[in-house]
Amino acid sequence: MSPLRIAQFALAGVTAAVAGIWMASMLVEQRPAAVVNNMQFVTVIPAPRGLPEFELVDQDAQRFGVEELRERWTLLFMGFTNCGHVCPMTMAKLRTIADSVDQPVDVLFVSVDPGRDTPEVIANYVRGFDESFRGVTGTPEAIDKLASALGAPYFVDASGERYIVDHSSAIFVINPDAALAATITAPHDVVPIISELQDLLEKG
């Protein structure tokens, strides 16, 4: 099913209460401290936090590590291709944001659902939004390592009758040193985000 068709469906069901409680607590505990500035939509981290070494697989079934995030700014979003509303809407907004800032910015989709999101599935998904978008996934352990470094909680439960996936809706801004420089939390108001992100990119 194409991303445009996916976007037409409401997010099916709600996640289990325990997942919601866990997500809320993780967001409170892991949200990085932000510098006090005049930005209202882009939360800048005072000292960008370098990401650890990790090993994921991209949409072309090639190894993807932290070195792939160096030398360019990246907007990273964690989700899954079967997401009914939040993910396709965010991906569409990421295309608008990336196209609107003056400096080159990559967009990286990280699937937290490796059980269903194979490289081929991810390739079809991300390229449905923009041919330049990249997508990755990996083992639960590898995804956990990156998610923990970002402070991006997620929850997957495929053991019951309902396949439950929950994840952070934040966009993570990675600088050319492969360090977490800022976060953009929902709701994603595109116009002010573009303005504030442009300011961040110009300051470096």
N, C-alpha and C. Protein backbone atom coordinates (compact mmCIF):
# COMPACT_ATOMS: atom_id res chain seq x y z
N MET A 1 0.85 -1.19 0.00
CA MET A 1 0.00 0.00 0.00
C MET A 1 0.89 1.24 0.00
N SER A 2 0.57 2.22 -0.80
CA SER A 2 1.39 3.41 -0.93
C SER A 2 1.23 4.31 0.28
N PRO A 3 2.23 5.17 0.55
CA PRO A 3 2.12 6.10 1.69
C PRO A 3 0.90 6.98 1.60
N LEU A 4 0.52 7.38 0.38
CA LEU A 4 -0.65 8.24 0.25
C LEU A 4 -1.91 7.50 0.66
N ARG A 5 -1.99 6.19 0.30
CA ARG A 5 -3.14 5.40 0.72
C ARG A 5 -3.13 5.20 2.23
N ILE A 6 -1.92 4.98 2.77
CA ILE A 6 -1.80 4.77 4.21
C ILE A 6 -2.30 5.98 4.98
N ALA A 7 -1.95 7.17 4.45
CA ALA A 7 -2.32 8.40 5.14
C ALA A 7 -3.82 8.61 5.20
N GLN A 8 -4.58 7.87 4.39
CA GLN A 8 -6.03 8.05 4.36
C GLN A 8 -6.73 7.29 5.47
N PHE A 9 -6.02 6.42 6.10
CA PHE A 9 -6.63 5.63 7.16
C PHE A 9 -6.28 6.18 8.53
N ALA A 10 -7.21 6.15 9.43
CA ALA A 10 -6.93 6.56 10.80
C ALA A 10 -6.08 5.51 11.47
N LEU A 11 -5.30 5.91 12.43
CA LEU A 11 -4.44 5.00 13.17
C LEU A 11 -5.29 3.93 13.83
N ALA A 12 -5.07 2.68 13.46
CA ALA A 12 -5.94 1.59 13.93
C ALA A 12 -5.69 1.29 15.39
N GLY A 13 -6.78 1.47 16.18
CA GLY A 13 -6.72 1.06 17.58
C GLY A 13 -5.88 1.97 18.44
N VAL A 14 -5.76 1.61 19.68
CA VAL A 14 -4.89 2.31 20.62
C VAL A 14 -3.98 1.29 21.27
N THR A 15 -2.82 1.71 21.72
CA THR A 15 -1.86 0.78 22.32
C THR A 15 -2.27 0.42 23.72
N ALA A 16 -1.70 -0.66 24.22
CA ALA A 16 -2.03 -1.14 25.56
C ALA A 16 -1.67 -0.10 26.60
N ALA A 17 -2.39 -0.10 27.71
CA ALA A 17 -2.17 0.91 28.75
C ALA A 17 -0.76 0.85 29.29
N VAL A 18 -0.24 -0.34 29.41
CA VAL A 18 1.11 -0.46 29.94
C VAL A 18 2.12 0.18 29.02
N ALA A 19 1.91 0.07 27.71
CA ALA A 19 2.81 0.70 26.76
C ALA A 19 2.74 2.21 26.88
N GLY A 20 1.55 2.74 27.04
CA GLY A 20 1.39 4.19 27.16
C GLY A 20 2.07 4.73 28.41
N ILE A 21 1.90 4.01 29.50
CA ILE A 21 2.54 4.43 30.76
C ILE A 21 4.05 4.39 30.61
N TRP A 22 4.53 3.31 30.00
CA TRP A 22 5.98 3.18 29.81
C TRP A 22 6.52 4.29 28.93
N MET A 23 5.82 4.57 27.85
CA MET A 23 6.25 5.63 26.94
C MET A 23 6.31 6.97 27.65
N ALA A 24 5.30 7.28 28.43
CA ALA A 24 5.25 8.58 29.11
C ALA A 24 6.40 8.72 30.08
N SER A 25 6.67 7.65 30.83
CA SER A 25 7.75 7.73 31.81
C SER A 25 9.10 7.87 31.13
N MET A 26 9.30 7.16 30.01
CA MET A 26 10.56 7.25 29.29
C MET A 26 10.77 8.64 28.71
N LEU A 27 9.70 9.25 28.21
CA LEU A 27 9.82 10.59 27.66
C LEU A 27 10.24 11.59 28.72
N VAL A 28 9.68 11.46 29.92
CA VAL A 28 10.03 12.35 31.01
C VAL A 28 11.46 12.15 31.43
N GLU A 29 11.90 10.86 31.51
CA GLU A 29 13.22 10.56 32.03
C GLU A 29 14.32 10.85 31.03
N GLN A 30 14.06 10.68 29.72
CA GLN A 30 15.14 10.73 28.76
C GLN A 30 15.17 12.00 27.92
N ARG A 31 14.17 12.85 28.04
CA ARG A 31 14.18 14.06 27.23
C ARG A 31 15.39 14.91 27.58
N PRO A 32 16.24 15.27 26.61
CA PRO A 32 17.47 16.00 26.91
C PRO A 32 17.19 17.42 27.38
N ALA A 33 18.06 17.88 28.27
CA ALA A 33 17.94 19.26 28.73
C ALA A 33 18.19 20.20 27.56
N ALA A 34 17.45 21.30 27.52
CA ALA A 34 17.55 22.22 26.40
C ALA A 34 18.11 23.56 26.86
N VAL A 35 18.84 24.20 25.98
CA VAL A 35 19.34 25.52 26.27
C VAL A 35 18.17 26.51 26.20
N VAL A 36 18.22 27.51 27.05
CA VAL A 36 17.17 28.53 27.03
C VAL A 36 17.47 29.49 25.89
N ASN A 37 16.59 29.56 24.91
CA ASN A 37 16.78 30.46 23.78
C ASN A 37 15.41 30.92 23.29
N ASN A 38 15.41 31.62 22.17
CA ASN A 38 14.16 32.17 21.69
C ASN A 38 13.42 31.22 20.74
N MET A 39 13.87 29.99 20.65
CA MET A 39 13.20 29.02 19.80
C MET A 39 12.07 28.35 20.55
N GLN A 40 10.94 28.23 19.90
CA GLN A 40 9.76 27.63 20.53
C GLN A 40 9.45 26.24 19.99
N PHE A 41 9.97 25.91 18.82
CA PHE A 41 9.62 24.64 18.18
C PHE A 41 10.81 23.70 18.06
N VAL A 42 12.00 24.24 17.94
CA VAL A 42 13.22 23.45 17.86
C VAL A 42 13.94 23.56 19.20
N THR A 43 14.03 22.45 19.91
CA THR A 43 14.65 22.44 21.24
C THR A 43 16.13 22.11 21.09
N VAL A 44 16.97 23.10 21.25
CA VAL A 44 18.41 22.94 21.06
C VAL A 44 19.06 22.37 22.31
N ILE A 45 19.97 21.43 22.14
CA ILE A 45 20.69 20.82 23.24
C ILE A 45 21.98 21.62 23.47
N PRO A 46 22.26 22.02 24.69
CA PRO A 46 23.42 22.89 24.96
C PRO A 46 24.73 22.33 24.43
N ALA A 47 25.00 21.06 24.72
CA ALA A 47 26.21 20.40 24.23
C ALA A 47 25.76 19.20 23.41
N PRO A 48 25.82 19.29 22.08
CA PRO A 48 25.37 18.17 21.25
C PRO A 48 25.95 16.85 21.72
N ARG A 49 25.11 15.82 21.75
CA ARG A 49 25.46 14.52 22.32
C ARG A 49 25.82 13.56 21.20
N GLY A 50 27.10 13.16 21.17
CA GLY A 50 27.57 12.24 20.14
C GLY A 50 26.86 10.90 20.19
N LEU A 51 26.51 10.38 19.02
CA LEU A 51 25.84 9.09 18.97
C LEU A 51 26.87 7.96 19.02
N PRO A 52 26.49 6.83 19.61
CA PRO A 52 27.42 5.70 19.71
C PRO A 52 27.52 4.95 18.39
N GLU A 53 28.49 4.07 18.31
CA GLU A 53 28.58 3.18 17.16
C GLU A 53 27.36 2.26 17.15
N PHE A 54 26.79 2.07 15.99
CA PHE A 54 25.67 1.14 15.85
C PHE A 54 25.73 0.52 14.45
N GLU A 55 25.01 -0.56 14.26
CA GLU A 55 25.01 -1.24 12.97
C GLU A 55 23.59 -1.58 12.56
N LEU A 56 23.07 -0.82 11.62
CA LEU A 56 21.75 -1.04 11.08
C LEU A 56 21.87 -1.42 9.60
N VAL A 57 20.73 -1.62 8.94
CA VAL A 57 20.71 -1.98 7.51
C VAL A 57 19.80 -0.99 6.80
N ASP A 58 20.27 -0.46 5.65
CA ASP A 58 19.47 0.55 4.96
C ASP A 58 18.51 -0.07 3.96
N GLN A 59 17.81 0.79 3.23
CA GLN A 59 16.78 0.34 2.30
C GLN A 59 17.33 -0.46 1.13
N ASP A 60 18.64 -0.41 0.94
CA ASP A 60 19.27 -1.20 -0.12
C ASP A 60 19.99 -2.42 0.44
N ALA A 61 19.66 -2.76 1.69
CA ALA A 61 20.25 -3.91 2.38
C ALA A 61 21.75 -3.75 2.60
N GLN A 62 22.20 -2.49 2.70
CA GLN A 62 23.60 -2.20 2.97
C GLN A 62 23.78 -1.78 4.43
N ARG A 63 24.95 -2.06 4.96
CA ARG A 63 25.24 -1.67 6.34
C ARG A 63 25.13 -0.16 6.50
N PHE A 64 24.55 0.26 7.62
CA PHE A 64 24.41 1.68 7.91
C PHE A 64 24.87 1.91 9.34
N GLY A 65 25.94 2.70 9.49
CA GLY A 65 26.48 2.98 10.82
C GLY A 65 26.52 4.47 11.10
N VAL A 66 27.06 4.82 12.26
CA VAL A 66 27.08 6.22 12.67
C VAL A 66 27.87 7.08 11.69
N GLU A 67 28.85 6.48 11.01
CA GLU A 67 29.66 7.26 10.07
C GLU A 67 28.83 7.79 8.91
N GLU A 68 27.70 7.16 8.64
CA GLU A 68 26.83 7.62 7.56
C GLU A 68 26.11 8.93 7.90
N LEU A 69 26.18 9.32 9.16
CA LEU A 69 25.53 10.54 9.60
C LEU A 69 26.50 11.73 9.67
N ARG A 70 27.73 11.51 9.30
CA ARG A 70 28.72 12.59 9.38
C ARG A 70 28.71 13.45 8.12
N GLU A 71 29.14 14.69 8.29
CA GLU A 71 29.38 15.66 7.22
C GLU A 71 28.13 16.35 6.69
N ARG A 72 26.94 15.91 7.10
CA ARG A 72 25.71 16.59 6.69
C ARG A 72 24.73 16.61 7.86
N TRP A 73 23.84 17.58 7.83
CA TRP A 73 22.75 17.61 8.81
C TRP A 73 21.72 16.54 8.43
N THR A 74 21.13 15.93 9.44
CA THR A 74 20.13 14.89 9.22
C THR A 74 18.93 15.11 10.12
N LEU A 75 17.74 14.96 9.56
CA LEU A 75 16.50 14.94 10.33
C LEU A 75 16.08 13.49 10.44
N LEU A 76 16.10 12.96 11.67
CA LEU A 76 15.85 11.54 11.91
C LEU A 76 14.50 11.36 12.58
N PHE A 77 13.73 10.41 12.06
CA PHE A 77 12.41 10.12 12.61
C PHE A 77 12.26 8.62 12.77
N MET A 78 11.80 8.17 13.93
CA MET A 78 11.61 6.75 14.20
C MET A 78 10.13 6.41 14.11
N GLY A 79 9.79 5.36 13.33
CA GLY A 79 8.40 4.97 13.17
C GLY A 79 8.30 3.58 12.58
N PHE A 80 7.24 3.33 11.81
CA PHE A 80 7.08 2.03 11.14
C PHE A 80 6.16 2.22 9.94
N THR A 81 6.31 1.39 8.94
CA THR A 81 5.63 1.64 7.67
C THR A 81 4.13 1.36 7.73
N ASN A 82 3.68 0.58 8.69
CA ASN A 82 2.25 0.30 8.82
C ASN A 82 1.52 1.34 9.66
N CYS A 83 2.23 2.36 10.09
CA CYS A 83 1.65 3.44 10.88
C CYS A 83 0.58 4.15 10.03
N GLY A 84 -0.60 4.34 10.62
CA GLY A 84 -1.71 4.82 9.82
C GLY A 84 -1.79 6.31 9.59
N HIS A 85 -1.23 7.12 10.48
CA HIS A 85 -1.42 8.56 10.33
C HIS A 85 -0.16 9.35 10.72
N VAL A 86 0.35 9.12 11.92
CA VAL A 86 1.45 9.94 12.44
C VAL A 86 2.67 9.87 11.53
N CYS A 87 3.08 8.66 11.16
CA CYS A 87 4.30 8.52 10.37
C CYS A 87 4.20 9.14 8.98
N PRO A 88 3.17 8.81 8.20
CA PRO A 88 3.12 9.43 6.86
C PRO A 88 2.97 10.94 6.90
N MET A 89 2.23 11.46 7.88
CA MET A 89 2.10 12.91 7.99
C MET A 89 3.44 13.55 8.34
N THR A 90 4.17 12.91 9.25
CA THR A 90 5.48 13.45 9.64
C THR A 90 6.45 13.37 8.48
N MET A 91 6.45 12.28 7.75
CA MET A 91 7.35 12.14 6.60
C MET A 91 7.05 13.19 5.53
N ALA A 92 5.78 13.46 5.31
CA ALA A 92 5.41 14.49 4.34
C ALA A 92 5.90 15.86 4.80
N LYS A 93 5.79 16.13 6.10
CA LYS A 93 6.26 17.41 6.63
C LYS A 93 7.79 17.49 6.54
N LEU A 94 8.46 16.36 6.76
CA LEU A 94 9.92 16.36 6.66
C LEU A 94 10.38 16.71 5.25
N ARG A 95 9.64 16.27 4.27
CA ARG A 95 10.00 16.64 2.90
C ARG A 95 9.88 18.15 2.71
N THR A 96 8.81 18.74 3.21
CA THR A 96 8.63 20.18 3.09
C THR A 96 9.72 20.93 3.82
N ILE A 97 10.05 20.48 5.02
CA ILE A 97 11.09 21.14 5.81
C ILE A 97 12.43 21.05 5.11
N ALA A 98 12.81 19.84 4.69
CA ALA A 98 14.11 19.65 4.05
C ALA A 98 14.23 20.44 2.76
N ASP A 99 13.13 20.57 2.03
CA ASP A 99 13.15 21.31 0.77
C ASP A 99 13.18 22.83 0.98
N SER A 100 12.84 23.27 2.19
CA SER A 100 12.66 24.70 2.42
C SER A 100 13.85 25.39 3.07
N VAL A 101 14.75 24.62 3.70
CA VAL A 101 15.92 25.25 4.31
C VAL A 101 17.01 25.42 3.26
N ASP A 102 17.91 26.38 3.50
CA ASP A 102 18.91 26.74 2.51
C ASP A 102 20.04 25.71 2.39
N GLN A 103 20.35 25.03 3.47
CA GLN A 103 21.45 24.08 3.47
C GLN A 103 20.95 22.66 3.20
N PRO A 104 21.80 21.80 2.62
CA PRO A 104 21.39 20.41 2.38
C PRO A 104 21.10 19.69 3.69
N VAL A 105 19.99 19.02 3.76
CA VAL A 105 19.58 18.27 4.94
C VAL A 105 19.08 16.89 4.50
N ASP A 106 19.62 15.84 5.10
CA ASP A 106 19.16 14.50 4.81
C ASP A 106 17.97 14.16 5.71
N VAL A 107 17.14 13.24 5.25
CA VAL A 107 16.04 12.73 6.05
C VAL A 107 16.24 11.23 6.20
N LEU A 108 16.22 10.76 7.45
CA LEU A 108 16.43 9.35 7.75
C LEU A 108 15.25 8.80 8.54
N PHE A 109 14.62 7.77 7.99
CA PHE A 109 13.52 7.07 8.66
C PHE A 109 14.08 5.80 9.29
N VAL A 110 13.88 5.65 10.60
CA VAL A 110 14.35 4.47 11.32
C VAL A 110 13.14 3.64 11.72
N SER A 111 12.99 2.47 11.13
CA SER A 111 11.86 1.61 11.48
C SER A 111 12.14 0.87 12.78
N VAL A 112 11.18 0.93 13.68
CA VAL A 112 11.29 0.20 14.96
C VAL A 112 10.58 -1.15 14.86
N ASP A 113 10.14 -1.51 13.66
CA ASP A 113 9.36 -2.73 13.44
C ASP A 113 10.07 -3.65 12.44
N PRO A 114 11.24 -4.20 12.83
CA PRO A 114 12.00 -5.02 11.89
C PRO A 114 11.31 -6.32 11.52
N GLY A 115 10.34 -6.74 12.32
CA GLY A 115 9.61 -7.96 12.01
C GLY A 115 8.83 -7.88 10.73
N ARG A 116 8.39 -6.68 10.35
CA ARG A 116 7.63 -6.49 9.12
C ARG A 116 8.32 -5.59 8.12
N ASP A 117 9.14 -4.68 8.62
CA ASP A 117 9.76 -3.69 7.72
C ASP A 117 11.11 -4.18 7.21
N THR A 118 11.07 -4.92 6.14
CA THR A 118 12.30 -5.37 5.47
C THR A 118 12.90 -4.21 4.68
N PRO A 119 14.16 -4.34 4.25
CA PRO A 119 14.74 -3.27 3.42
C PRO A 119 13.89 -2.92 2.20
N GLU A 120 13.32 -3.93 1.54
CA GLU A 120 12.49 -3.66 0.37
C GLU A 120 11.24 -2.87 0.72
N VAL A 121 10.60 -3.23 1.83
CA VAL A 121 9.41 -2.50 2.28
C VAL A 121 9.77 -1.06 2.62
N ILE A 122 10.88 -0.90 3.31
CA ILE A 122 11.32 0.45 3.69
C ILE A 122 11.66 1.28 2.47
N ALA A 123 12.31 0.67 1.48
CA ALA A 123 12.67 1.39 0.25
C ALA A 123 11.43 1.93 -0.44
N ASN A 124 10.42 1.09 -0.58
CA ASN A 124 9.18 1.54 -1.22
C ASN A 124 8.51 2.65 -0.43
N TYR A 125 8.61 2.57 0.88
CA TYR A 125 7.96 3.55 1.75
C TYR A 125 8.64 4.91 1.66
N VAL A 126 9.93 4.96 1.92
CA VAL A 126 10.61 6.26 1.97
C VAL A 126 10.67 6.92 0.60
N ARG A 127 10.84 6.12 -0.45
CA ARG A 127 10.93 6.69 -1.79
C ARG A 127 9.57 7.17 -2.29
N GLY A 128 8.52 6.74 -1.61
CA GLY A 128 7.21 7.27 -1.93
C GLY A 128 7.05 8.72 -1.52
N PHE A 129 7.91 9.15 -0.60
CA PHE A 129 7.89 10.56 -0.16
C PHE A 129 8.93 11.38 -0.91
N ASP A 130 10.13 10.81 -1.08
CA ASP A 130 11.19 11.51 -1.80
C ASP A 130 12.27 10.49 -2.14
N GLU A 131 12.78 10.55 -3.35
CA GLU A 131 13.80 9.60 -3.79
C GLU A 131 15.09 9.70 -2.98
N SER A 132 15.31 10.86 -2.37
CA SER A 132 16.55 11.05 -1.62
C SER A 132 16.46 10.56 -0.18
N PHE A 133 15.26 10.28 0.29
CA PHE A 133 15.09 9.84 1.68
C PHE A 133 15.73 8.47 1.88
N ARG A 134 16.28 8.27 3.06
CA ARG A 134 16.86 6.99 3.40
C ARG A 134 16.07 6.35 4.55
N GLY A 135 16.12 5.04 4.60
CA GLY A 135 15.44 4.32 5.67
C GLY A 135 16.30 3.19 6.16
N VAL A 136 16.23 2.91 7.45
CA VAL A 136 17.04 1.84 8.04
C VAL A 136 16.22 1.06 9.06
N THR A 137 16.70 -0.12 9.37
CA THR A 137 16.18 -0.90 10.48
C THR A 137 17.30 -1.84 10.91
N GLY A 138 16.99 -2.78 11.79
CA GLY A 138 18.02 -3.69 12.25
C GLY A 138 17.48 -4.60 13.33
N THR A 139 18.37 -5.22 14.04
CA THR A 139 17.95 -6.07 15.14
C THR A 139 17.36 -5.22 16.25
N PRO A 140 16.50 -5.81 17.08
CA PRO A 140 15.96 -5.03 18.21
C PRO A 140 17.07 -4.43 19.07
N GLU A 141 18.16 -5.17 19.24
CA GLU A 141 19.27 -4.67 20.06
C GLU A 141 19.91 -3.43 19.43
N ALA A 142 20.08 -3.45 18.11
CA ALA A 142 20.68 -2.30 17.42
C ALA A 142 19.75 -1.10 17.45
N ILE A 143 18.47 -1.34 17.25
CA ILE A 143 17.50 -0.24 17.32
C ILE A 143 17.45 0.33 18.73
N ASP A 144 17.47 -0.54 19.73
CA ASP A 144 17.46 -0.10 21.12
C ASP A 144 18.64 0.82 21.42
N LYS A 145 19.80 0.48 20.89
CA LYS A 145 21.01 1.26 21.16
C LYS A 145 20.87 2.68 20.62
N LEU A 146 20.37 2.81 19.40
CA LEU A 146 20.19 4.13 18.83
C LEU A 146 19.07 4.88 19.53
N ALA A 147 17.96 4.19 19.79
CA ALA A 147 16.82 4.83 20.45
C ALA A 147 17.20 5.35 21.82
N SER A 148 17.98 4.57 22.56
CA SER A 148 18.41 4.99 23.89
C SER A 148 19.29 6.23 23.82
N ALA A 149 20.19 6.27 22.83
CA ALA A 149 21.07 7.44 22.69
C ALA A 149 20.29 8.69 22.34
N LEU A 150 19.19 8.53 21.61
CA LEU A 150 18.37 9.68 21.22
C LEU A 150 17.36 10.07 22.29
N GLY A 151 17.10 9.15 23.24
CA GLY A 151 16.01 9.38 24.19
C GLY A 151 14.68 9.23 23.50
N ALA A 152 14.57 8.19 22.64
CA ALA A 152 13.39 7.98 21.82
C ALA A 152 12.72 6.66 22.19
N PRO A 153 11.81 6.65 23.15
CA PRO A 153 11.17 5.41 23.56
C PRO A 153 10.27 4.84 22.49
N TYR A 154 10.22 3.52 22.44
CA TYR A 154 9.28 2.86 21.54
C TYR A 154 8.88 1.52 22.16
N PHE A 155 7.83 0.94 21.64
CA PHE A 155 7.29 -0.30 22.21
C PHE A 155 6.71 -1.14 21.09
N VAL A 156 7.11 -2.42 21.03
CA VAL A 156 6.59 -3.34 20.02
C VAL A 156 6.14 -4.61 20.73
N ASP A 157 4.91 -5.03 20.46
CA ASP A 157 4.39 -6.28 21.02
C ASP A 157 3.65 -7.04 19.91
N ALA A 158 4.30 -8.09 19.41
CA ALA A 158 3.70 -8.90 18.35
C ALA A 158 3.22 -10.25 18.88
N SER A 159 3.10 -10.36 20.20
CA SER A 159 2.80 -11.65 20.80
C SER A 159 1.30 -11.94 20.90
N GLY A 160 0.48 -10.91 20.87
CA GLY A 160 -0.95 -11.10 21.04
C GLY A 160 -1.71 -11.09 19.72
N GLU A 161 -3.01 -11.01 19.82
CA GLU A 161 -3.85 -10.97 18.62
C GLU A 161 -3.66 -9.67 17.85
N ARG A 162 -3.36 -8.61 18.56
CA ARG A 162 -3.14 -7.32 17.92
C ARG A 162 -1.65 -7.00 17.92
N TYR A 163 -1.16 -6.57 16.79
CA TYR A 163 0.26 -6.19 16.62
C TYR A 163 0.38 -4.74 17.06
N ILE A 164 1.03 -4.51 18.20
CA ILE A 164 1.08 -3.18 18.79
C ILE A 164 2.46 -2.56 18.59
N VAL A 165 2.48 -1.36 18.04
CA VAL A 165 3.72 -0.59 17.91
C VAL A 165 3.45 0.83 18.38
N ASP A 166 4.26 1.31 19.28
CA ASP A 166 4.16 2.70 19.73
C ASP A 166 5.57 3.29 19.69
N HIS A 167 5.66 4.58 19.45
CA HIS A 167 6.98 5.19 19.29
C HIS A 167 6.91 6.69 19.51
N SER A 168 8.07 7.27 19.74
CA SER A 168 8.17 8.72 19.88
C SER A 168 7.79 9.40 18.58
N SER A 169 7.11 10.53 18.67
CA SER A 169 6.75 11.29 17.47
C SER A 169 7.75 12.42 17.19
N ALA A 170 8.81 12.48 17.97
CA ALA A 170 9.79 13.57 17.83
C ALA A 170 10.64 13.41 16.58
N ILE A 171 11.11 14.53 16.07
CA ILE A 171 12.11 14.57 15.01
C ILE A 171 13.44 14.93 15.67
N PHE A 172 14.48 14.20 15.35
CA PHE A 172 15.78 14.42 15.96
C PHE A 172 16.73 15.05 14.94
N VAL A 173 17.36 16.14 15.35
CA VAL A 173 18.27 16.86 14.46
C VAL A 173 19.69 16.43 14.78
N ILE A 174 20.34 15.79 13.81
CA ILE A 174 21.71 15.29 13.97
C ILE A 174 22.65 16.21 13.19
N ASN A 175 23.69 16.69 13.86
CA ASN A 175 24.61 17.62 13.19
C ASN A 175 25.68 16.86 12.40
N PRO A 176 26.52 17.57 11.63
CA PRO A 176 27.52 16.89 10.79
C PRO A 176 28.58 16.13 11.57
N ASP A 177 28.63 16.28 12.88
CA ASP A 177 29.54 15.49 13.70
C ASP A 177 28.87 14.22 14.22
N ALA A 178 27.70 13.91 13.71
CA ALA A 178 26.92 12.73 14.14
C ALA A 178 26.56 12.84 15.62
N ALA A 179 26.16 14.03 16.02
CA ALA A 179 25.75 14.28 17.40
C ALA A 179 24.33 14.83 17.41
N LEU A 180 23.58 14.47 18.43
CA LEU A 180 22.21 14.98 18.58
C LEU A 180 22.27 16.44 18.98
N ALA A 181 21.78 17.32 18.10
CA ALA A 181 21.89 18.75 18.32
C ALA A 181 20.59 19.39 18.78
N ALA A 182 19.45 18.77 18.44
CA ALA A 182 18.16 19.37 18.80
C ALA A 182 17.06 18.34 18.59
N THR A 183 15.91 18.61 19.19
CA THR A 183 14.73 17.79 18.96
C THR A 183 13.57 18.70 18.57
N ILE A 184 12.66 18.14 17.80
CA ILE A 184 11.46 18.86 17.38
C ILE A 184 10.27 17.99 17.75
N THR A 185 9.51 18.41 18.74
CA THR A 185 8.41 17.59 19.22
C THR A 185 7.10 18.00 18.55
N ALA A 186 6.15 17.08 18.56
CA ALA A 186 4.84 17.34 17.97
C ALA A 186 4.05 18.31 18.85
N PRO A 187 3.12 19.07 18.24
CA PRO A 187 2.76 19.05 16.83
C PRO A 187 3.80 19.75 15.97
N HIS A 188 4.00 19.27 14.78
CA HIS A 188 5.05 19.79 13.92
C HIS A 188 4.49 20.90 13.03
N ASP A 189 4.59 22.12 13.51
CA ASP A 189 4.11 23.29 12.78
C ASP A 189 5.20 23.71 11.80
N VAL A 190 5.02 23.39 10.54
CA VAL A 190 6.09 23.44 9.54
C VAL A 190 6.71 24.81 9.38
N VAL A 191 5.92 25.86 9.28
CA VAL A 191 6.46 27.19 8.98
C VAL A 191 7.44 27.68 10.04
N PRO A 192 7.07 27.70 11.32
CA PRO A 192 8.06 28.14 12.32
C PRO A 192 9.23 27.18 12.48
N ILE A 193 8.99 25.88 12.25
CA ILE A 193 10.09 24.93 12.34
C ILE A 193 11.14 25.24 11.29
N ILE A 194 10.70 25.54 10.07
CA ILE A 194 11.64 25.88 9.00
C ILE A 194 12.48 27.09 9.39
N SER A 195 11.84 28.10 9.94
CA SER A 195 12.55 29.32 10.33
C SER A 195 13.58 29.05 11.42
N GLU A 196 13.16 28.31 12.44
CA GLU A 196 14.07 28.04 13.57
C GLU A 196 15.18 27.07 13.16
N LEU A 197 14.84 26.08 12.36
CA LEU A 197 15.87 25.14 11.90
C LEU A 197 16.88 25.84 11.03
N GLN A 198 16.43 26.76 10.19
CA GLN A 198 17.36 27.52 9.35
C GLN A 198 18.33 28.30 10.22
N ASP A 199 17.83 28.86 11.29
CA ASP A 199 18.70 29.60 12.21
C ASP A 199 19.74 28.68 12.85
N LEU A 200 19.31 27.48 13.24
CA LEU A 200 20.23 26.52 13.83
C LEU A 200 21.30 26.10 12.82
N LEU A 201 20.90 25.83 11.60
CA LEU A 201 21.87 25.41 10.58
C LEU A 201 22.89 26.50 10.29
N GLU A 202 22.43 27.75 10.28
CA GLU A 202 23.37 28.85 10.00
C GLU A 202 24.37 29.06 11.12
N LYS A 203 23.93 28.81 12.35
CA LYS A 203 24.84 28.95 13.49
C LYS A 203 25.78 27.76 13.60
N GLY A 204 25.39 26.66 13.00
CA GLY A 204 26.24 25.46 13.01
C GLY A 204 26.19 24.73 14.32
